[in-house]
Structures are given as structure tokens and as C-alpha cells.
Amino acid sequence: MGSSKKIEAAKPVPELNRGRQTEDLRLLSRDLTHPAVDFTHTDPWRVFRIMGEFVEGFDTLANLGPAISVFGSARIKPDDPVYAAAEVTGRLLAQAGFAVITGGGPGVMEAANKGAAEAGGGSVGCNIELPFEQGMNAYVNTAIGFHYFFVRKTMFVKYAEAFIIFPGGFGTMDELFEALTLIQTDKVRNFPVVLMGTRYWQGLLAWLRATMLAEGKISTDDLDLLVVTDSPEQAVQVVVDCYEEQCRRAVAAAKGTRAPGQATPALPGRGGFRRPVPRPVAGGKKTNGT
């Protein structure tokens, strides 16, 4: 895991990008006038920029080890109970041997990064160019900047064993429903999605049941993809249990196919990493390593 040493916090500069087109906006816009423009402002050139962002993300996170992506509102303040819960969750994840991946901004992201970093765990921030600059929070020890949302979202899924999602806005909903879609369509497997805050999520869940499910737009099994809790300890335990079950299955499969005398390879988890020996968690309990 990376060092928990703080980096200098970037001050929000709202006017930095205000009035300026972001790279995502340029990419998704069509120029119907077809003016003569420099090649570096054309779509073919953007393909190289996109490739570069993928390469940087893959290179930076390739050896991260097992990690959990944590999402939630950037508008949560440090005195909010949700901030405290996210900080505890980050700490418990680090103590259980997981790195924490967030969007690198303030609010819930900062709280989860803080908990992980101060517990000596990996604390990753995947920041994004926005019209209102939010900056990287002070508790990130592995920082990556992105221009394109879809590249950034790939990192959130590819290098995570699960999502833990706190109350948030449109961006948080985007990550939630993208994860559910990927699981439903079998694009990712063995991927728990934990919603933190039963009161916050109850309205959405009631609508899913009363409208989507009732009209046959989703199946009962689709709702089983979600775990809802108010407890950071339960959220982390769900993640640990799922991860260890994958470990057992991978080792069993490897034992059934290896040659006589060949050692069992380390295959657990979606990334193929073993967790380090967990640190003691609250109450003196330990989460068994694999």
C-alpha cells in the first residue's frame, strides 16, 4: 500500500474552467461548419489523447492490488454524519487489506481517502476536468487526472472488487446504475454493490419496486444485486465475504487443473491479487486473510 503522507491540497478555483469547453464537451459536439482547423483539435487526434489516458491509468493502477471504489456527494461537509461514516469505511477497508479508489474530490471522496490514508492503506484519486475545478483532496497518495469521463469510469470498475455508494447526486447515480447494468448484462461478475444510508435510498428502491419491477422492466433478481445498510462494518464485511468466496473458488479451480506437485497459483479476486494480512479492526476482531 502507498504512504499515508498528505499531499498539498489543491484549492478549488471555480473560475479556472468556467466559460471554457471541457474535452468531454468537445468530443461529444459536432462541428457542422467544417472549418479548416489544426489537426490537434480534430477527432482523430483526440483518439490519441484518449489512448494516452487509458495507458496512464492502466500503468498507474496495474499493481494496486485489491481495491474498492467509493462514491458519494462532493458537497458533504466534514461535520456531516455521512462524512464520518465514509471516513470509518475507508479506514476499515484499509485495515481489511483493500485500497480505496475515489474521484479524488471533496466530501465523501475526501472522507474515504482520509480514512484509508490515515490507516496506512492505498488511497487513489481519479480526478476529472470539470467546468468548475474541484482539485485533488489532501489524502490521496496515488493521483491520476482525466479529461474524459468514460476513461475514468473504466478505472473505477476495472480495478475495484466492489462499489460502496454513499448518498450523492447525478454523478453518484451514474456510477450506481452503470455498475448495475454491467452486472445485469454479465460484463462484470462477483461484484457487490453496497448502498450506505437506508433512509436516503429508500425512496429510489421503492420506486424501482413499484414502477420498474411492477411493469416488468427489471426482474426480482436485479434488485438482489443491491445491499443496503447504515453500518460501515457491515458494508466492509459484505465486500470481504464476497472477495474471499472468489478466492476459495479460484483456488479450488486451480487445484483441479494443476499438474502433480505444482503449487496452487495466487488467483483470487477479479484482479488476481491476494490481500495482505489484515490489520486488527474495531473491537479487536480480525478479518481473515486469504
Protein backbone atom coordinates (compact mmCIF):
# COMPACT_ATOMS: atom_id res chain seq x y z
CA MET A 1 0.00 0.00 0.00
CA GLY A 2 1.14 3.56 -0.54
CA SER A 3 2.34 6.03 2.04
CA SER A 4 -0.26 7.92 4.04
CA LYS A 5 1.71 11.18 3.78
CA LYS A 6 -0.55 14.04 2.84
CA ILE A 7 -0.04 15.94 -0.39
CA GLU A 8 -0.71 19.63 -0.72
CA ALA A 9 -4.45 20.15 -1.08
CA ALA A 10 -5.46 21.83 -4.30
CA LYS A 11 -7.55 24.93 -3.67
CA PRO A 12 -10.83 24.97 -5.61
CA VAL A 13 -10.63 27.52 -8.41
CA PRO A 14 -14.21 27.83 -9.76
CA GLU A 15 -13.27 30.40 -12.39
CA LEU A 16 -10.39 28.32 -13.82
CA ASN A 17 -12.51 26.38 -16.34
CA ARG A 18 -15.68 28.48 -16.27
CA GLY A 19 -16.62 29.55 -19.77
CA ARG A 20 -14.10 27.14 -21.30
CA GLN A 21 -15.12 23.99 -23.15
CA THR A 22 -14.01 20.76 -21.50
CA GLU A 23 -12.52 17.91 -23.51
CA ASP A 24 -15.67 15.83 -22.99
CA LEU A 25 -17.79 18.66 -24.42
CA ARG A 26 -15.51 18.99 -27.45
CA LEU A 27 -15.57 15.24 -28.05
CA LEU A 28 -19.36 14.97 -27.89
CA SER A 29 -20.00 18.03 -30.09
CA ARG A 30 -20.21 18.05 -33.89
CA ASP A 31 -18.74 20.90 -35.87
CA LEU A 32 -21.24 21.32 -38.71
CA THR A 33 -19.30 24.15 -40.34
CA HIS A 34 -16.21 22.00 -41.05
CA PRO A 35 -13.72 24.86 -40.75
CA ALA A 36 -10.07 24.38 -41.52
CA VAL A 37 -8.65 23.62 -38.07
CA ASP A 38 -5.35 22.44 -36.70
CA PHE A 39 -5.10 18.62 -36.67
CA THR A 40 -4.61 18.60 -32.87
CA HIS A 41 -8.20 19.85 -32.48
CA THR A 42 -9.78 17.11 -34.60
CA ASP A 43 -11.42 13.83 -33.58
CA PRO A 44 -8.59 11.62 -34.96
CA TRP A 45 -6.13 13.45 -32.72
CA ARG A 46 -8.45 13.04 -29.73
CA VAL A 47 -8.22 9.28 -30.21
CA PHE A 48 -4.53 9.53 -29.28
CA ARG A 49 -5.34 11.62 -26.21
CA ILE A 50 -7.92 9.04 -25.15
CA MET A 51 -5.41 6.22 -25.68
CA GLY A 52 -2.89 8.16 -23.61
CA GLU A 53 -5.33 8.46 -20.72
CA PHE A 54 -6.07 4.73 -20.79
CA VAL A 55 -2.34 3.93 -20.84
CA GLU A 56 -1.61 6.26 -17.92
CA GLY A 57 -4.48 4.82 -15.88
CA PHE A 58 -3.51 1.22 -16.61
CA ASP A 59 0.18 1.84 -15.86
CA THR A 60 -0.56 3.65 -12.60
CA LEU A 61 -3.05 1.13 -11.22
CA ALA A 62 -1.74 -2.17 -12.64
CA ASN A 63 -0.07 -3.18 -9.36
CA LEU A 64 -2.56 -1.59 -6.99
CA GLY A 65 -3.87 -4.85 -5.58
CA PRO A 66 -7.44 -5.40 -4.40
CA ALA A 67 -9.36 -2.14 -4.10
CA ILE A 68 -12.87 -0.82 -3.53
CA SER A 69 -14.38 2.18 -5.33
CA VAL A 70 -16.26 4.54 -3.01
CA PHE A 71 -18.72 7.13 -4.35
CA GLY A 72 -20.85 9.88 -2.89
CA SER A 73 -21.57 13.59 -2.85
CA ALA A 74 -18.78 16.14 -3.18
CA ARG A 75 -20.99 18.58 -1.23
CA ILE A 76 -20.87 16.73 2.09
CA LYS A 77 -19.05 18.74 4.79
CA PRO A 78 -16.72 17.31 7.47
CA ASP A 79 -19.33 17.85 10.19
CA ASP A 80 -21.92 15.72 8.33
CA PRO A 81 -22.55 12.19 9.72
CA VAL A 82 -22.17 10.85 6.17
CA TYR A 83 -18.59 12.21 6.09
CA ALA A 84 -17.81 10.41 9.35
CA ALA A 85 -19.30 7.14 8.04
CA ALA A 86 -17.28 7.37 4.82
CA GLU A 87 -14.10 8.00 6.81
CA VAL A 88 -14.75 4.95 9.00
CA THR A 89 -15.48 2.88 5.90
CA GLY A 90 -12.19 3.93 4.30
CA ARG A 91 -10.29 3.03 7.45
CA LEU A 92 -11.96 -0.38 7.77
CA LEU A 93 -11.27 -1.17 4.13
CA ALA A 94 -7.59 -0.35 4.59
CA GLN A 95 -7.45 -2.47 7.74
CA ALA A 96 -9.01 -5.34 5.79
CA GLY A 97 -6.32 -5.10 3.11
CA PHE A 98 -8.11 -3.09 0.42
CA ALA A 99 -7.07 0.15 -1.25
CA VAL A 100 -9.73 2.83 -1.69
CA ILE A 101 -10.46 4.43 -5.07
CA THR A 102 -12.49 7.65 -5.27
CA GLY A 103 -12.97 10.57 -7.64
CA GLY A 104 -10.34 12.42 -5.61
CA GLY A 105 -12.54 15.39 -4.79
CA PRO A 106 -14.05 16.74 -1.56
CA GLY A 107 -16.97 15.45 0.51
CA VAL A 108 -17.47 11.68 0.63
CA MET A 109 -14.44 11.18 -1.62
CA GLU A 110 -12.17 13.08 0.75
CA ALA A 111 -13.55 11.25 3.78
CA ALA A 112 -12.96 7.77 2.29
CA ASN A 113 -9.46 8.73 1.14
CA LYS A 114 -8.72 10.16 4.58
CA GLY A 115 -9.79 7.01 6.39
CA ALA A 116 -7.72 4.80 4.09
CA ALA A 117 -4.61 7.00 4.10
CA GLU A 118 -4.53 7.51 7.86
CA ALA A 119 -4.85 3.73 8.33
CA GLY A 120 -1.79 3.23 6.11
CA GLY A 121 -3.72 1.95 3.10
CA GLY A 122 -3.70 2.79 -0.58
CA SER A 123 -5.70 5.94 -1.30
CA VAL A 124 -6.35 6.57 -5.00
CA GLY A 125 -7.92 9.67 -6.54
CA CYS A 126 -9.18 9.63 -10.14
CA ASN A 127 -9.90 13.31 -10.75
CA ILE A 128 -11.77 14.75 -13.74
CA GLU A 129 -11.65 18.00 -15.68
CA LEU A 130 -14.82 19.97 -14.93
CA PRO A 131 -16.07 23.47 -15.75
CA PHE A 132 -15.82 24.14 -12.00
CA GLU A 133 -12.41 22.94 -10.82
CA GLN A 134 -12.63 20.88 -7.62
CA GLY A 135 -8.96 19.93 -7.12
CA MET A 136 -7.48 16.76 -5.59
CA ASN A 137 -8.10 16.26 -1.88
CA ALA A 138 -5.18 16.17 0.56
CA TYR A 139 -5.49 12.46 1.44
CA VAL A 140 -4.79 10.93 -1.96
CA ASN A 141 -1.45 9.16 -2.27
CA THR A 142 -1.93 7.92 -5.85
CA ALA A 143 -3.37 10.63 -8.09
CA ILE A 144 -4.50 10.40 -11.73
CA GLY A 145 -6.12 13.18 -13.76
CA PHE A 146 -8.59 12.54 -16.59
CA HIS A 147 -10.20 14.64 -19.31
CA TYR A 148 -12.76 12.01 -20.33
CA PHE A 149 -15.45 10.58 -18.06
CA PHE A 150 -15.62 7.21 -19.81
CA VAL A 151 -11.88 6.59 -19.35
CA ARG A 152 -12.12 7.49 -15.66
CA LYS A 153 -15.16 5.25 -15.19
CA THR A 154 -13.26 2.34 -16.70
CA MET A 155 -10.66 2.67 -13.92
CA PHE A 156 -13.35 2.72 -11.23
CA VAL A 157 -14.70 -0.63 -12.44
CA LYS A 158 -11.59 -2.40 -13.74
CA TYR A 159 -9.54 -2.05 -10.57
CA ALA A 160 -12.31 -2.48 -7.99
CA GLU A 161 -13.66 -5.59 -6.28
CA ALA A 162 -16.88 -3.77 -5.27
CA PHE A 163 -18.64 -0.40 -5.12
CA ILE A 164 -19.67 1.22 -1.85
CA ILE A 165 -22.02 4.11 -2.61
CA PHE A 166 -22.95 6.87 -0.19
CA PRO A 167 -25.67 9.48 -0.70
CA GLY A 168 -24.94 11.64 -3.71
CA GLY A 169 -26.27 13.37 -6.80
CA PHE A 170 -26.35 12.68 -10.53
CA GLY A 171 -22.71 11.54 -10.72
CA THR A 172 -23.28 9.04 -7.91
CA MET A 173 -26.44 7.75 -9.63
CA ASP A 174 -24.48 7.40 -12.85
CA GLU A 175 -21.91 5.15 -11.18
CA LEU A 176 -24.62 3.14 -9.41
CA PHE A 177 -26.68 2.38 -12.50
CA GLU A 178 -23.64 1.75 -14.66
CA ALA A 179 -22.47 -0.88 -12.16
CA LEU A 180 -25.91 -2.50 -12.09
CA THR A 181 -26.06 -2.53 -15.89
CA LEU A 182 -22.63 -4.16 -16.17
CA ILE A 183 -23.60 -6.83 -13.63
CA GLN A 184 -27.04 -7.43 -15.17
CA THR A 185 -25.51 -7.87 -18.64
CA ASP A 186 -22.73 -10.12 -17.30
CA LYS A 187 -19.95 -7.70 -18.21
CA VAL A 188 -18.57 -7.97 -14.67
CA ARG A 189 -19.11 -10.78 -12.17
CA ASN A 190 -18.87 -11.24 -8.40
CA PHE A 191 -19.18 -7.52 -7.90
CA PRO A 192 -21.06 -6.38 -4.77
CA VAL A 193 -22.82 -3.00 -4.80
CA VAL A 194 -23.42 -1.65 -1.28
CA LEU A 195 -25.66 1.37 -0.70
CA MET A 196 -24.86 3.26 2.50
CA GLY A 197 -27.79 5.05 4.15
CA THR A 198 -31.13 3.25 4.22
CA ARG A 199 -33.15 6.44 4.67
CA TYR A 200 -31.53 8.15 1.68
CA TRP A 201 -32.00 5.22 -0.69
CA GLN A 202 -35.46 4.01 0.41
CA GLY A 203 -37.35 6.29 -2.00
CA LEU A 204 -35.36 5.13 -5.01
CA LEU A 205 -35.68 1.48 -4.03
CA ALA A 206 -39.43 1.85 -3.50
CA TRP A 207 -39.78 3.39 -6.98
CA LEU A 208 -37.72 0.58 -8.53
CA ARG A 209 -40.08 -1.98 -6.98
CA ALA A 210 -43.35 -0.14 -7.56
CA THR A 211 -42.62 1.03 -11.09
CA MET A 212 -39.73 -0.73 -12.85
CA LEU A 213 -40.35 -4.15 -11.32
CA ALA A 214 -44.14 -3.88 -11.42
CA GLU A 215 -44.08 -3.02 -15.12
CA GLY A 216 -41.64 -5.82 -15.92
CA LYS A 217 -38.77 -3.53 -16.88
CA ILE A 218 -36.45 -5.35 -14.45
CA SER A 219 -36.62 -8.71 -12.68
CA THR A 220 -36.67 -9.55 -8.98
CA ASP A 221 -33.13 -10.88 -9.32
CA ASP A 222 -31.95 -7.46 -10.47
CA LEU A 223 -32.93 -5.93 -7.14
CA ASP A 224 -30.96 -8.64 -5.36
CA LEU A 225 -27.80 -7.06 -6.76
CA LEU A 226 -28.02 -4.33 -4.10
CA VAL A 227 -27.10 -4.47 -0.41
CA VAL A 228 -28.41 -1.58 1.71
CA THR A 229 -27.02 -0.77 5.15
CA ASP A 230 -26.23 2.02 7.60
CA SER A 231 -23.21 0.21 9.04
CA PRO A 232 -19.65 0.71 7.71
CA GLU A 233 -18.73 -2.57 9.41
CA GLN A 234 -21.46 -4.47 7.55
CA ALA A 235 -20.56 -2.81 4.25
CA VAL A 236 -16.94 -3.88 4.57
CA GLN A 237 -17.91 -7.38 5.70
CA VAL A 238 -20.06 -7.82 2.56
CA VAL A 239 -17.03 -6.90 0.45
CA VAL A 240 -14.69 -9.19 2.39
CA ASP A 241 -17.08 -12.16 2.26
CA CYS A 242 -17.57 -11.84 -1.50
CA TYR A 243 -13.86 -11.44 -2.13
CA GLU A 244 -12.95 -14.46 0.00
CA GLU A 245 -15.59 -16.58 -1.71
CA GLN A 246 -13.95 -15.77 -5.03
CA CYS A 247 -10.62 -16.74 -3.50
CA ARG A 248 -11.95 -20.13 -2.44
CA ARG A 249 -13.44 -20.77 -5.87
CA ALA A 250 -10.28 -19.71 -7.70
CA VAL A 251 -8.02 -21.86 -5.53
CA ALA A 252 -10.36 -24.84 -5.87
CA ALA A 253 -10.39 -24.44 -9.65
CA ALA A 254 -6.61 -24.11 -9.73
CA LYS A 255 -6.17 -27.24 -7.61
CA GLY A 256 -8.32 -29.18 -10.05
CA THR A 257 -6.22 -28.21 -13.08
CA ARG A 258 -2.61 -28.00 -11.86
CA ALA A 259 -0.03 -30.70 -12.56
CA PRO A 260 1.02 -33.05 -9.72
CA GLY A 261 3.44 -31.28 -7.38
CA GLN A 262 2.70 -27.84 -8.87
CA ALA A 263 1.95 -25.11 -6.34
CA THR A 264 -1.51 -23.55 -6.32
CA PRO A 265 -1.25 -20.20 -8.10
CA ALA A 266 -2.49 -16.99 -6.48
CA LEU A 267 -5.67 -16.34 -8.42
CA PRO A 268 -8.20 -14.81 -6.02
CA GLY A 269 -10.22 -11.72 -6.81
CA ARG A 270 -11.09 -10.07 -10.11
CA GLY A 271 -7.57 -8.64 -10.30
CA GLY A 272 -5.79 -11.85 -9.33
CA PHE A 273 -4.29 -10.37 -6.15
CA ARG A 274 -4.18 -11.69 -2.62
CA ARG A 275 -4.95 -9.25 0.15
CA PRO A 276 -2.16 -8.57 2.65
CA VAL A 277 -2.58 -9.88 6.17
CA PRO A 278 -5.37 -7.70 7.57
CA ARG A 279 -4.78 -5.32 10.44
CA PRO A 280 -6.97 -5.59 13.56
CA VAL A 281 -10.31 -3.85 13.17
CA ALA A 282 -12.52 -2.18 15.78
CA GLY A 283 -13.29 -4.31 18.79
CA GLY A 284 -10.12 -6.37 18.43
CA LYS A 285 -11.64 -8.58 15.72
CA LYS A 286 -9.66 -9.62 12.69
CA THR A 287 -10.84 -10.30 9.19
CA ASN A 288 -9.19 -13.46 7.94
CA GLY A 289 -6.78 -13.04 5.08
CA THR A 290 -6.69 -15.38 2.11
